[in-house]
Amino acid sequence: MTERMTENKIVLIKRKTRLEELVVRYNTVQQAQFYIERLGADFEDYREEDARYRQAVAEAATQLETLGRLQLLDREQVPNYLFGPSDTVVVLGQDGLVANTLKYVTGLPLIGVNPDPQRWDGILLPFTIGDLRHIVPDVLLGRRPLREVTLAKAELNDGQCLYGVNDLFIGRKTHVSARYQLRLGQQSEQQSSSGVIVSTGMGSTGWLSSVWAGAAGIVSSVMQEPLPHAGIREQALSWDADRLYFAVREPFPSRNTSAELVFGQIASGQQLRITSQMPEHGVIFSDGIESDFLEFNAGVEAVISVAEQKGLLAV
């Protein structure tokens, strides 16, 4: 038996393929194929993706077993898994899987691996499976440069907290009108909107960018002249910037609500406080994963701030 490089744990994070998710929904591959082909889509693409990903998982596991104690983990298990302080985390793409893992492993090095470079680009997937035999030893020995990533943190007054790598959403589960009080420094406002988005530097060209582009487009049309810097990309933060953006979606001014405090930055050490006035269906979720949320109903206060720890990506 080949001696391992270390007895430290290497956690390999994988996900379900589109084919596996279809089988969960339709019970068998045959029924999944019938559904896809009835819609006129190519089912072979699902088969090929699934086969390639399974092969990639097997190849990655074989390499990692020679380097440390391997723990194979499905995406759904990550939120409840207790990572050790000396663990090394390897994520087998796509970008979304890296982001959704990073918020649970702050302080630990994370290696993003592209399982199928011909299919996926991957900003957060700089390595291939063939690179693992070189990258993992470098990380284990502390010789690999690590890129810091600032996270957003939402902490409730009942002690619960949730981190966001790209963004946090605070509002109603169905994205209909949410009622809350918003406070930043000395400013305070009662608001009704379709929710608040808080973005990190990594996420500042994502969901927040679309909110900004829509608002800028409306104002530009009303003014009948183009706005300077009509996109958040000109103002995008670096991934390790110690501040966050926040934006209120579709604020509605009325006798009881205002729409002045709708966009700004949360600096390191600063807090955006949001107190829910929603009797039910109030939620806070991060990075587009609506199934992993904190309940945010009447009387609950959320303190939004720059997280105390950063994510670490091997580069």
C-alpha atoms as a PDB file:
ATOM      1  CA  MET A   1       0.000   0.000   0.000  1.00  0.00           C
ATOM      2  CA  THR A   2       1.376   3.417  -0.970  1.00  0.00           C
ATOM      3  CA  GLU A   3       2.232   5.604   2.020  1.00  0.00           C
ATOM      4  CA  ARG A   4       0.248   8.825   2.217  1.00  0.00           C
ATOM      5  CA  MET A   5       1.968  12.177   2.198  1.00  0.00           C
ATOM      6  CA  THR A   6       0.004  13.241   5.297  1.00  0.00           C
ATOM      7  CA  GLU A   7      -2.681  11.930   7.626  1.00  0.00           C
ATOM      8  CA  ASN A   8      -4.482  15.267   7.388  1.00  0.00           C
ATOM      9  CA  LYS A   9      -7.943  15.074   5.871  1.00  0.00           C
ATOM     10  CA  ILE A  10      -8.631  16.119   2.283  1.00  0.00           C
ATOM     11  CA  VAL A  11     -12.326  16.760   1.687  1.00  0.00           C
ATOM     12  CA  LEU A  12     -13.484  16.321  -1.917  1.00  0.00           C
ATOM     13  CA  ILE A  13     -16.767  18.129  -2.604  1.00  0.00           C
ATOM     14  CA  LYS A  14     -18.899  16.871  -5.479  1.00  0.00           C
ATOM     15  CA  ARG A  15     -22.376  17.608  -6.790  1.00  0.00           C
ATOM     16  CA  LYS A  16     -25.239  15.838  -8.514  1.00  0.00           C
ATOM     17  CA  THR A  17     -25.159  15.996 -12.308  1.00  0.00           C
ATOM     18  CA  ARG A  18     -28.167  17.146 -14.291  1.00  0.00           C
ATOM     19  CA  LEU A  19     -28.915  13.494 -15.076  1.00  0.00           C
ATOM     20  CA  GLU A  20     -28.839  12.502 -11.415  1.00  0.00           C
ATOM     21  CA  GLU A  21     -31.189  15.358 -10.553  1.00  0.00           C
ATOM     22  CA  LEU A  22     -33.575  14.233 -13.302  1.00  0.00           C
ATOM     23  CA  VAL A  23     -33.534  10.683 -11.960  1.00  0.00           C
ATOM     24  CA  VAL A  24     -34.406  11.990  -8.490  1.00  0.00           C
ATOM     25  CA  ARG A  25     -37.381  13.749 -10.056  1.00  0.00           C
ATOM     26  CA  TYR A  26     -38.514  11.068 -12.518  1.00  0.00           C
ATOM     27  CA  ASN A  27     -37.314   7.903 -10.704  1.00  0.00           C
ATOM     28  CA  THR A  28     -35.491   6.222 -13.619  1.00  0.00           C
ATOM     29  CA  VAL A  29     -33.098   7.131 -16.436  1.00  0.00           C
ATOM     30  CA  GLN A  30     -35.660   5.908 -18.973  1.00  0.00           C
ATOM     31  CA  GLN A  31     -38.371   8.207 -17.655  1.00  0.00           C
ATOM     32  CA  ALA A  32     -35.930  11.111 -17.554  1.00  0.00           C
ATOM     33  CA  GLN A  33     -34.954  10.398 -21.164  1.00  0.00           C
ATOM     34  CA  PHE A  34     -38.606  10.323 -22.214  1.00  0.00           C
ATOM     35  CA  TYR A  35     -39.209  13.716 -20.578  1.00  0.00           C
ATOM     36  CA  ILE A  36     -36.141  15.379 -22.127  1.00  0.00           C
ATOM     37  CA  GLU A  37     -36.651  13.982 -25.631  1.00  0.00           C
ATOM     38  CA  ARG A  38     -40.337  14.863 -25.569  1.00  0.00           C
ATOM     39  CA  LEU A  39     -39.214  18.480 -25.196  1.00  0.00           C
ATOM     40  CA  GLY A  40     -36.927  18.092 -28.215  1.00  0.00           C
ATOM     41  CA  ALA A  41     -33.653  18.247 -26.265  1.00  0.00           C
ATOM     42  CA  ASP A  42     -30.607  16.008 -26.748  1.00  0.00           C
ATOM     43  CA  PHE A  43     -30.504  13.452 -23.936  1.00  0.00           C
ATOM     44  CA  GLU A  44     -27.048  12.238 -24.971  1.00  0.00           C
ATOM     45  CA  ASP A  45     -25.604  15.510 -23.733  1.00  0.00           C
ATOM     46  CA  TYR A  46     -26.925  14.648 -20.262  1.00  0.00           C
ATOM     47  CA  ARG A  47     -25.414  11.157 -20.491  1.00  0.00           C
ATOM     48  CA  GLU A  48     -22.036  12.467 -21.634  1.00  0.00           C
ATOM     49  CA  GLU A  49     -21.881  15.108 -18.909  1.00  0.00           C
ATOM     50  CA  ASP A  50     -22.791  12.543 -16.267  1.00  0.00           C
ATOM     51  CA  ALA A  51     -20.211  10.002 -17.485  1.00  0.00           C
ATOM     52  CA  ARG A  52     -17.447  12.598 -17.642  1.00  0.00           C
ATOM     53  CA  TYR A  53     -18.201  13.929 -14.190  1.00  0.00           C
ATOM     54  CA  ARG A  54     -18.298  10.445 -12.638  1.00  0.00           C
ATOM     55  CA  GLN A  55     -14.961   9.705 -14.259  1.00  0.00           C
ATOM     56  CA  ALA A  56     -13.554  12.978 -12.941  1.00  0.00           C
ATOM     57  CA  VAL A  57     -14.696  12.164  -9.389  1.00  0.00           C
ATOM     58  CA  ALA A  58     -13.071   8.727  -9.593  1.00  0.00           C
ATOM     59  CA  GLU A  59      -9.799  10.126 -10.969  1.00  0.00           C
ATOM     60  CA  ALA A  60      -9.652  12.886  -8.376  1.00  0.00           C
ATOM     61  CA  ALA A  61     -10.362  10.443  -5.546  1.00  0.00           C
ATOM     62  CA  THR A  62      -7.607   8.087  -6.736  1.00  0.00           C
ATOM     63  CA  GLN A  63      -5.046  10.902  -6.716  1.00  0.00           C
ATOM     64  CA  LEU A  64      -6.130  12.389  -3.402  1.00  0.00           C
ATOM     65  CA  GLU A  65      -6.075   9.041  -1.585  1.00  0.00           C
ATOM     66  CA  THR A  66      -2.297   8.935  -2.082  1.00  0.00           C
ATOM     67  CA  LEU A  67      -1.905  12.396  -0.539  1.00  0.00           C
ATOM     68  CA  GLY A  68      -4.070  12.292   2.586  1.00  0.00           C
ATOM     69  CA  ARG A  69      -7.138  10.822   4.281  1.00  0.00           C
ATOM     70  CA  LEU A  70      -9.899  11.297   1.730  1.00  0.00           C
ATOM     71  CA  GLN A  71     -13.430  12.293   2.689  1.00  0.00           C
ATOM     72  CA  LEU A  72     -15.938  12.395  -0.184  1.00  0.00           C
ATOM     73  CA  LEU A  73     -18.788  14.809   0.439  1.00  0.00           C
ATOM     74  CA  ASP A  74     -21.914  15.684  -1.530  1.00  0.00           C
ATOM     75  CA  ARG A  75     -22.922  19.318  -1.925  1.00  0.00           C
ATOM     76  CA  GLU A  76     -26.054  18.826   0.205  1.00  0.00           C
ATOM     77  CA  GLN A  77     -23.955  17.658   3.171  1.00  0.00           C
ATOM     78  CA  VAL A  78     -21.640  20.675   3.250  1.00  0.00           C
ATOM     79  CA  PRO A  79     -23.786  23.010   5.457  1.00  0.00           C
ATOM     80  CA  ASN A  80     -23.930  20.408   8.251  1.00  0.00           C
ATOM     81  CA  TYR A  81     -20.399  19.018   7.970  1.00  0.00           C
ATOM     82  CA  LEU A  82     -17.844  19.878  10.663  1.00  0.00           C
ATOM     83  CA  PHE A  83     -14.593  20.773   8.916  1.00  0.00           C
ATOM     84  CA  GLY A  84     -11.410  20.341  10.921  1.00  0.00           C
ATOM     85  CA  PRO A  85      -8.862  23.154  11.364  1.00  0.00           C
ATOM     86  CA  SER A  86      -6.233  21.276   9.316  1.00  0.00           C
ATOM     87  CA  ASP A  87      -8.517  20.077   6.515  1.00  0.00           C
ATOM     88  CA  THR A  88      -7.819  20.860   2.869  1.00  0.00           C
ATOM     89  CA  VAL A  89     -10.896  21.257   0.666  1.00  0.00           C
ATOM     90  CA  VAL A  90     -11.031  20.307  -3.012  1.00  0.00           C
ATOM     91  CA  VAL A  91     -14.142  21.299  -4.982  1.00  0.00           C
ATOM     92  CA  LEU A  92     -14.899  19.582  -8.286  1.00  0.00           C
ATOM     93  CA  GLY A  93     -16.593  22.496 -10.185  1.00  0.00           C
ATOM     94  CA  GLN A  94     -18.586  24.499 -11.312  1.00  0.00           C
ATOM     95  CA  ASP A  95     -18.088  28.056 -10.029  1.00  0.00           C
ATOM     96  CA  GLY A  96     -21.336  27.989  -8.069  1.00  0.00           C
ATOM     97  CA  LEU A  97     -20.216  24.927  -6.114  1.00  0.00           C
ATOM     98  CA  VAL A  98     -16.962  26.675  -5.171  1.00  0.00           C
ATOM     99  CA  ALA A  99     -18.828  29.773  -3.953  1.00  0.00           C
ATOM    100  CA  ASN A 100     -21.395  27.763  -2.022  1.00  0.00           C
ATOM    101  CA  THR A 101     -18.660  25.739  -0.325  1.00  0.00           C
ATOM    102  CA  LEU A 102     -16.359  28.657   0.467  1.00  0.00           C
ATOM    103  CA  LYS A 103     -18.791  30.250   2.920  1.00  0.00           C
ATOM    104  CA  TYR A 104     -18.696  27.118   5.104  1.00  0.00           C
ATOM    105  CA  VAL A 105     -14.904  26.705   5.127  1.00  0.00           C
ATOM    106  CA  THR A 106     -13.596  30.180   5.998  1.00  0.00           C
ATOM    107  CA  GLY A 107      -9.985  30.002   7.094  1.00  0.00           C
ATOM    108  CA  LEU A 108      -9.301  26.762   5.211  1.00  0.00           C
ATOM    109  CA  PRO A 109      -7.564  26.598   1.792  1.00  0.00           C
ATOM    110  CA  LEU A 110      -9.945  25.659  -1.016  1.00  0.00           C
ATOM    111  CA  ILE A 111      -8.809  24.242  -4.372  1.00  0.00           C
ATOM    112  CA  GLY A 112     -11.234  24.696  -7.281  1.00  0.00           C
ATOM    113  CA  VAL A 113     -10.925  21.981  -9.934  1.00  0.00           C
ATOM    114  CA  ASN A 114     -12.551  22.005 -13.367  1.00  0.00           C
ATOM    115  CA  PRO A 115     -13.917  18.495 -14.061  1.00  0.00           C
ATOM    116  CA  ASP A 116     -14.537  19.144 -17.754  1.00  0.00           C
ATOM    117  CA  PRO A 117     -12.624  22.131 -19.241  1.00  0.00           C
ATOM    118  CA  GLN A 118     -14.238  21.642 -22.670  1.00  0.00           C
ATOM    119  CA  ARG A 119     -17.671  22.143 -21.107  1.00  0.00           C
ATOM    120  CA  TRP A 120     -17.060  24.657 -18.313  1.00  0.00           C
ATOM    121  CA  ASP A 121     -14.995  27.862 -18.254  1.00  0.00           C
ATOM    122  CA  GLY A 122     -14.831  28.577 -14.539  1.00  0.00           C
ATOM    123  CA  ILE A 123     -13.343  31.738 -13.024  1.00  0.00           C
ATOM    124  CA  LEU A 124     -13.017  29.888  -9.716  1.00  0.00           C
ATOM    125  CA  LEU A 125     -11.718  26.669 -11.303  1.00  0.00           C
ATOM    126  CA  PRO A 126      -8.077  27.358 -12.194  1.00  0.00           C
ATOM    127  CA  PHE A 127      -6.936  23.723 -11.938  1.00  0.00           C
ATOM    128  CA  THR A 128      -7.564  20.414 -13.701  1.00  0.00           C
ATOM    129  CA  ILE A 129      -7.525  16.950 -12.171  1.00  0.00           C
ATOM    130  CA  GLY A 130      -4.027  16.403 -13.521  1.00  0.00           C
ATOM    131  CA  ASP A 131      -2.827  19.386 -11.469  1.00  0.00           C
ATOM    132  CA  LEU A 132      -3.861  17.857  -8.136  1.00  0.00           C
ATOM    133  CA  ARG A 133      -0.681  15.830  -7.638  1.00  0.00           C
ATOM    134  CA  HIS A 134       1.276  19.108  -7.654  1.00  0.00           C
ATOM    135  CA  ILE A 135      -1.193  21.615  -6.170  1.00  0.00           C
ATOM    136  CA  VAL A 136      -2.318  19.662  -3.092  1.00  0.00           C
ATOM    137  CA  PRO A 137       1.228  19.017  -1.755  1.00  0.00           C
ATOM    138  CA  ASP A 138       2.006  22.720  -2.214  1.00  0.00           C
ATOM    139  CA  VAL A 139      -1.107  23.664  -0.239  1.00  0.00           C
ATOM    140  CA  LEU A 140      -0.386  21.100   2.485  1.00  0.00           C
ATOM    141  CA  LEU A 141       3.155  22.450   2.876  1.00  0.00           C
ATOM    142  CA  GLY A 142       2.023  26.086   2.818  1.00  0.00           C
ATOM    143  CA  ARG A 143       3.893  26.838  -0.389  1.00  0.00           C
ATOM    144  CA  ARG A 144       0.888  27.714  -2.557  1.00  0.00           C
ATOM    145  CA  PRO A 145      -0.290  31.339  -2.802  1.00  0.00           C
ATOM    146  CA  LEU A 146      -3.833  31.831  -1.512  1.00  0.00           C
ATOM    147  CA  ARG A 147      -6.213  34.545  -2.680  1.00  0.00           C
ATOM    148  CA  GLU A 148      -8.335  36.120   0.049  1.00  0.00           C
ATOM    149  CA  VAL A 149     -12.071  36.542  -0.550  1.00  0.00           C
ATOM    150  CA  THR A 150     -14.201  38.865   1.586  1.00  0.00           C
ATOM    151  CA  LEU A 151     -17.509  37.410   2.774  1.00  0.00           C
ATOM    152  CA  ALA A 152     -20.716  39.082   3.915  1.00  0.00           C
ATOM    153  CA  LYS A 153     -22.225  38.053   7.241  1.00  0.00           C
ATOM    154  CA  ALA A 154     -25.829  38.211   8.449  1.00  0.00           C
ATOM    155  CA  GLU A 155     -26.220  37.675  12.195  1.00  0.00           C
ATOM    156  CA  LEU A 156     -29.645  37.524  13.832  1.00  0.00           C
ATOM    157  CA  ASN A 157     -30.513  38.603  17.349  1.00  0.00           C
ATOM    158  CA  ASP A 158     -31.262  34.954  18.202  1.00  0.00           C
ATOM    159  CA  GLY A 159     -27.628  33.983  17.505  1.00  0.00           C
ATOM    160  CA  GLN A 160     -28.059  32.425  14.061  1.00  0.00           C
ATOM    161  CA  CYS A 161     -25.769  33.579  11.269  1.00  0.00           C
ATOM    162  CA  LEU A 162     -25.294  33.052   7.551  1.00  0.00           C
ATOM    163  CA  TYR A 163     -22.372  33.944   5.293  1.00  0.00           C
ATOM    164  CA  GLY A 164     -22.420  34.989   1.645  1.00  0.00           C
ATOM    165  CA  VAL A 165     -19.569  34.700  -0.849  1.00  0.00           C
ATOM    166  CA  ASN A 166     -21.334  36.627  -3.636  1.00  0.00           C
ATOM    167  CA  ASP A 167     -24.387  38.147  -2.003  1.00  0.00           C
ATOM    168  CA  LEU A 168     -27.115  38.027   0.621  1.00  0.00           C
ATOM    169  CA  PHE A 169     -30.822  38.485  -0.054  1.00  0.00           C
ATOM    170  CA  ILE A 170     -33.081  39.848   2.685  1.00  0.00           C
ATOM    171  CA  GLY A 171     -36.809  39.932   1.974  1.00  0.00           C
ATOM    172  CA  ARG A 172     -39.871  37.744   1.382  1.00  0.00           C
ATOM    173  CA  LYS A 173     -39.612  34.141   0.248  1.00  0.00           C
ATOM    174  CA  THR A 174     -41.719  34.828  -2.841  1.00  0.00           C
ATOM    175  CA  HIS A 175     -39.905  38.129  -3.608  1.00  0.00           C
ATOM    176  CA  VAL A 176     -43.158  40.066  -3.090  1.00  0.00           C
ATOM    177  CA  SER A 177     -43.273  43.222  -0.954  1.00  0.00           C
ATOM    178  CA  ALA A 178     -41.190  43.023   2.206  1.00  0.00           C
ATOM    179  CA  ARG A 179     -41.631  45.374   5.185  1.00  0.00           C
ATOM    180  CA  TYR A 180     -38.736  46.241   7.462  1.00  0.00           C
ATOM    181  CA  GLN A 181     -36.738  49.014   9.078  1.00  0.00           C
ATOM    182  CA  LEU A 182     -33.303  49.754   7.587  1.00  0.00           C
ATOM    183  CA  ARG A 183     -30.563  51.470   9.609  1.00  0.00           C
ATOM    184  CA  LEU A 184     -27.056  52.499   8.560  1.00  0.00           C
ATOM    185  CA  GLY A 185     -25.136  54.717  10.957  1.00  0.00           C
ATOM    186  CA  GLN A 186     -27.413  57.619  11.918  1.00  0.00           C
ATOM    187  CA  GLN A 187     -29.806  57.030   9.008  1.00  0.00           C
ATOM    188  CA  SER A 188     -32.963  55.026   9.617  1.00  0.00           C
ATOM    189  CA  GLU A 189     -35.900  54.340   7.317  1.00  0.00           C
ATOM    190  CA  GLN A 190     -39.121  52.333   7.166  1.00  0.00           C
ATOM    191  CA  GLN A 191     -39.217  50.585   3.814  1.00  0.00           C
ATOM    192  CA  SER A 192     -41.399  48.433   1.609  1.00  0.00           C
ATOM    193  CA  SER A 193     -39.570  46.774  -1.271  1.00  0.00           C
ATOM    194  CA  SER A 194     -38.980  43.497  -3.062  1.00  0.00           C
ATOM    195  CA  GLY A 195     -35.926  42.920  -0.881  1.00  0.00           C
ATOM    196  CA  VAL A 196     -32.412  44.066  -0.101  1.00  0.00           C
ATOM    197  CA  ILE A 197     -29.299  42.701  -1.811  1.00  0.00           C
ATOM    198  CA  VAL A 198     -25.928  42.894  -0.090  1.00  0.00           C
ATOM    199  CA  SER A 199     -22.972  42.140  -2.343  1.00  0.00           C
ATOM    200  CA  THR A 200     -19.332  41.294  -1.729  1.00  0.00           C
ATOM    201  CA  GLY A 201     -16.492  42.264  -4.044  1.00  0.00           C
ATOM    202  CA  MET A 202     -16.709  38.880  -5.756  1.00  0.00           C
ATOM    203  CA  GLY A 203     -20.436  39.354  -6.311  1.00  0.00           C
ATOM    204  CA  SER A 204     -20.319  43.020  -7.301  1.00  0.00           C
ATOM    205  CA  THR A 205     -20.488  42.148 -11.005  1.00  0.00           C
ATOM    206  CA  GLY A 206     -23.289  39.610 -10.508  1.00  0.00           C
ATOM    207  CA  TRP A 207     -26.817  40.111  -9.135  1.00  0.00           C
ATOM    208  CA  LEU A 208     -26.005  43.618  -7.918  1.00  0.00           C
ATOM    209  CA  SER A 209     -24.810  44.557 -11.391  1.00  0.00           C
ATOM    210  CA  SER A 210     -28.203  43.710 -12.877  1.00  0.00           C
ATOM    211  CA  VAL A 211     -30.010  45.797 -10.244  1.00  0.00           C
ATOM    212  CA  TRP A 212     -27.718  48.736 -10.924  1.00  0.00           C
ATOM    213  CA  ALA A 213     -28.002  48.391 -14.695  1.00  0.00           C
ATOM    214  CA  GLY A 214     -31.811  48.354 -14.526  1.00  0.00           C
ATOM    215  CA  ALA A 215     -31.976  51.425 -12.280  1.00  0.00           C
ATOM    216  CA  ALA A 216     -29.413  53.297 -14.382  1.00  0.00           C
ATOM    217  CA  GLY A 217     -31.279  52.432 -17.571  1.00  0.00           C
ATOM    218  CA  ILE A 218     -34.548  53.807 -16.206  1.00  0.00           C
ATOM    219  CA  VAL A 219     -32.958  57.049 -15.024  1.00  0.00           C
ATOM    220  CA  SER A 220     -31.087  57.435 -18.309  1.00  0.00           C
ATOM    221  CA  SER A 221     -34.325  56.985 -20.254  1.00  0.00           C
ATOM    222  CA  VAL A 222     -36.198  59.531 -18.124  1.00  0.00           C
ATOM    223  CA  MET A 223     -33.369  62.055 -18.411  1.00  0.00           C
ATOM    224  CA  GLN A 224     -33.025  61.228 -22.129  1.00  0.00           C
ATOM    225  CA  GLU A 225     -29.258  61.153 -21.899  1.00  0.00           C
ATOM    226  CA  PRO A 226     -26.790  58.396 -21.039  1.00  0.00           C
ATOM    227  CA  LEU A 227     -25.574  58.254 -17.472  1.00  0.00           C
ATOM    228  CA  PRO A 228     -21.827  58.264 -16.792  1.00  0.00           C
ATOM    229  CA  HIS A 229     -20.657  54.970 -15.329  1.00  0.00           C
ATOM    230  CA  ALA A 230     -24.051  53.382 -16.040  1.00  0.00           C
ATOM    231  CA  GLY A 231     -22.930  50.042 -14.661  1.00  0.00           C
ATOM    232  CA  ILE A 232     -21.524  48.656 -11.466  1.00  0.00           C
ATOM    233  CA  ARG A 233     -18.588  47.143 -13.366  1.00  0.00           C
ATOM    234  CA  GLU A 234     -16.882  50.533 -13.277  1.00  0.00           C
ATOM    235  CA  GLN A 235     -17.274  50.482  -9.495  1.00  0.00           C
ATOM    236  CA  ALA A 236     -16.650  46.778  -8.920  1.00  0.00           C
ATOM    237  CA  LEU A 237     -14.740  45.896  -5.790  1.00  0.00           C
ATOM    238  CA  SER A 238     -11.744  43.605  -5.609  1.00  0.00           C
ATOM    239  CA  TRP A 239     -12.471  40.179  -4.132  1.00  0.00           C
ATOM    240  CA  ASP A 240     -10.647  41.024  -0.898  1.00  0.00           C
ATOM    241  CA  ALA A 241     -12.088  44.542  -0.466  1.00  0.00           C
ATOM    242  CA  ASP A 242     -13.115  45.166   3.163  1.00  0.00           C
ATOM    243  CA  ARG A 243     -16.500  46.620   2.311  1.00  0.00           C
ATOM    244  CA  LEU A 244     -19.828  45.582   0.850  1.00  0.00           C
ATOM    245  CA  TYR A 245     -22.454  47.139  -1.412  1.00  0.00           C
ATOM    246  CA  PHE A 246     -26.149  47.112  -0.577  1.00  0.00           C
ATOM    247  CA  ALA A 247     -29.079  47.906  -2.858  1.00  0.00           C
ATOM    248  CA  VAL A 248     -32.821  48.021  -2.198  1.00  0.00           C
ATOM    249  CA  ARG A 249     -34.877  46.440  -4.966  1.00  0.00           C
ATOM    250  CA  GLU A 250     -37.944  48.366  -6.127  1.00  0.00           C
ATOM    251  CA  PRO A 251     -38.448  50.539  -3.018  1.00  0.00           C
ATOM    252  CA  PHE A 252     -42.017  51.849  -2.664  1.00  0.00           C
ATOM    253  CA  PRO A 253     -42.513  55.271  -1.035  1.00  0.00           C
ATOM    254  CA  SER A 254     -45.829  55.787   0.750  1.00  0.00           C
ATOM    255  CA  ARG A 255     -47.263  57.537   3.822  1.00  0.00           C
ATOM    256  CA  ASN A 256     -45.508  54.999   6.029  1.00  0.00           C
ATOM    257  CA  THR A 257     -42.443  54.070   3.971  1.00  0.00           C
ATOM    258  CA  SER A 258     -39.566  55.984   2.386  1.00  0.00           C
ATOM    259  CA  ALA A 259     -37.070  55.416  -0.421  1.00  0.00           C
ATOM    260  CA  GLU A 260     -34.019  57.519   0.398  1.00  0.00           C
ATOM    261  CA  LEU A 261     -31.628  54.950   1.878  1.00  0.00           C
ATOM    262  CA  VAL A 262     -31.605  52.613  -1.122  1.00  0.00           C
ATOM    263  CA  PHE A 263     -27.932  52.183  -2.109  1.00  0.00           C
ATOM    264  CA  GLY A 264     -24.591  52.435  -0.396  1.00  0.00           C
ATOM    265  CA  GLN A 265     -21.538  50.755   1.062  1.00  0.00           C
ATOM    266  CA  ILE A 266     -20.951  48.948   4.348  1.00  0.00           C
ATOM    267  CA  ALA A 267     -17.371  49.518   5.429  1.00  0.00           C
ATOM    268  CA  SER A 268     -15.368  47.156   7.631  1.00  0.00           C
ATOM    269  CA  GLY A 269     -16.520  47.690  11.216  1.00  0.00           C
ATOM    270  CA  GLN A 270     -19.798  49.222  10.038  1.00  0.00           C
ATOM    271  CA  GLN A 271     -23.209  47.544  10.368  1.00  0.00           C
ATOM    272  CA  LEU A 272     -26.362  47.615   8.300  1.00  0.00           C
ATOM    273  CA  ARG A 273     -29.235  46.763  10.629  1.00  0.00           C
ATOM    274  CA  ILE A 274     -32.520  45.445   9.244  1.00  0.00           C
ATOM    275  CA  THR A 275     -35.497  44.724  11.506  1.00  0.00           C
ATOM    276  CA  SER A 276     -38.234  42.566  10.028  1.00  0.00           C
ATOM    277  CA  GLN A 277     -41.868  43.713  10.105  1.00  0.00           C
ATOM    278  CA  MET A 278     -43.121  40.684   8.143  1.00  0.00           C
ATOM    279  CA  PRO A 279     -45.503  38.324   9.982  1.00  0.00           C
ATOM    280  CA  GLU A 280     -44.392  35.346   7.867  1.00  0.00           C
ATOM    281  CA  HIS A 281     -42.252  34.199   4.912  1.00  0.00           C
ATOM    282  CA  GLY A 282     -39.382  36.576   5.689  1.00  0.00           C
ATOM    283  CA  VAL A 283     -36.040  35.015   4.705  1.00  0.00           C
ATOM    284  CA  ILE A 284     -32.336  35.640   4.387  1.00  0.00           C
ATOM    285  CA  PHE A 285     -30.418  33.442   1.949  1.00  0.00           C
ATOM    286  CA  SER A 286     -27.048  33.681   0.273  1.00  0.00           C
ATOM    287  CA  ASP A 287     -25.541  33.047  -3.152  1.00  0.00           C
ATOM    288  CA  GLY A 288     -28.855  32.176  -4.786  1.00  0.00           C
ATOM    289  CA  ILE A 289     -29.479  29.074  -2.630  1.00  0.00           C
ATOM    290  CA  GLU A 290     -33.060  29.688  -1.499  1.00  0.00           C
ATOM    291  CA  SER A 291     -33.344  26.286   0.183  1.00  0.00           C
ATOM    292  CA  ASP A 292     -30.639  27.197   2.729  1.00  0.00           C
ATOM    293  CA  PHE A 293     -32.105  30.183   4.569  1.00  0.00           C
ATOM    294  CA  LEU A 294     -32.672  31.888   7.893  1.00  0.00           C
ATOM    295  CA  GLU A 295     -36.225  32.793   8.860  1.00  0.00           C
ATOM    296  CA  PHE A 296     -36.617  36.553   9.102  1.00  0.00           C
ATOM    297  CA  ASN A 297     -40.026  37.316  10.540  1.00  0.00           C
ATOM    298  CA  ALA A 298     -41.472  40.116  12.686  1.00  0.00           C
ATOM    299  CA  GLY A 299     -39.226  41.279  15.514  1.00  0.00           C
ATOM    300  CA  VAL A 300     -36.054  39.621  14.224  1.00  0.00           C
ATOM    301  CA  GLU A 301     -33.118  41.950  13.653  1.00  0.00           C
ATOM    302  CA  ALA A 302     -30.326  41.125  11.203  1.00  0.00           C
ATOM    303  CA  VAL A 303     -26.922  42.777  11.502  1.00  0.00           C
ATOM    304  CA  ILE A 304     -25.158  42.790   8.133  1.00  0.00           C
ATOM    305  CA  SER A 305     -21.393  43.297   8.139  1.00  0.00           C
ATOM    306  CA  VAL A 306     -18.098  42.291   6.581  1.00  0.00           C
ATOM    307  CA  ALA A 307     -17.328  38.781   7.898  1.00  0.00           C
ATOM    308  CA  GLU A 308     -14.554  38.439  10.445  1.00  0.00           C
ATOM    309  CA  GLN A 309     -12.823  35.715   8.404  1.00  0.00           C
ATOM    310  CA  LYS A 310     -11.998  35.564   4.704  1.00  0.00           C
ATOM    311  CA  GLY A 311     -12.270  32.687   2.287  1.00  0.00           C
ATOM    312  CA  LEU A 312      -8.982  31.332   0.919  1.00  0.00           C
ATOM    313  CA  LEU A 313      -8.707  30.197  -2.706  1.00  0.00           C
ATOM    314  CA  ALA A 314      -5.613  28.418  -3.969  1.00  0.00           C
ATOM    315  CA  VAL A 315      -4.252  30.099  -7.127  1.00  0.00           C
END
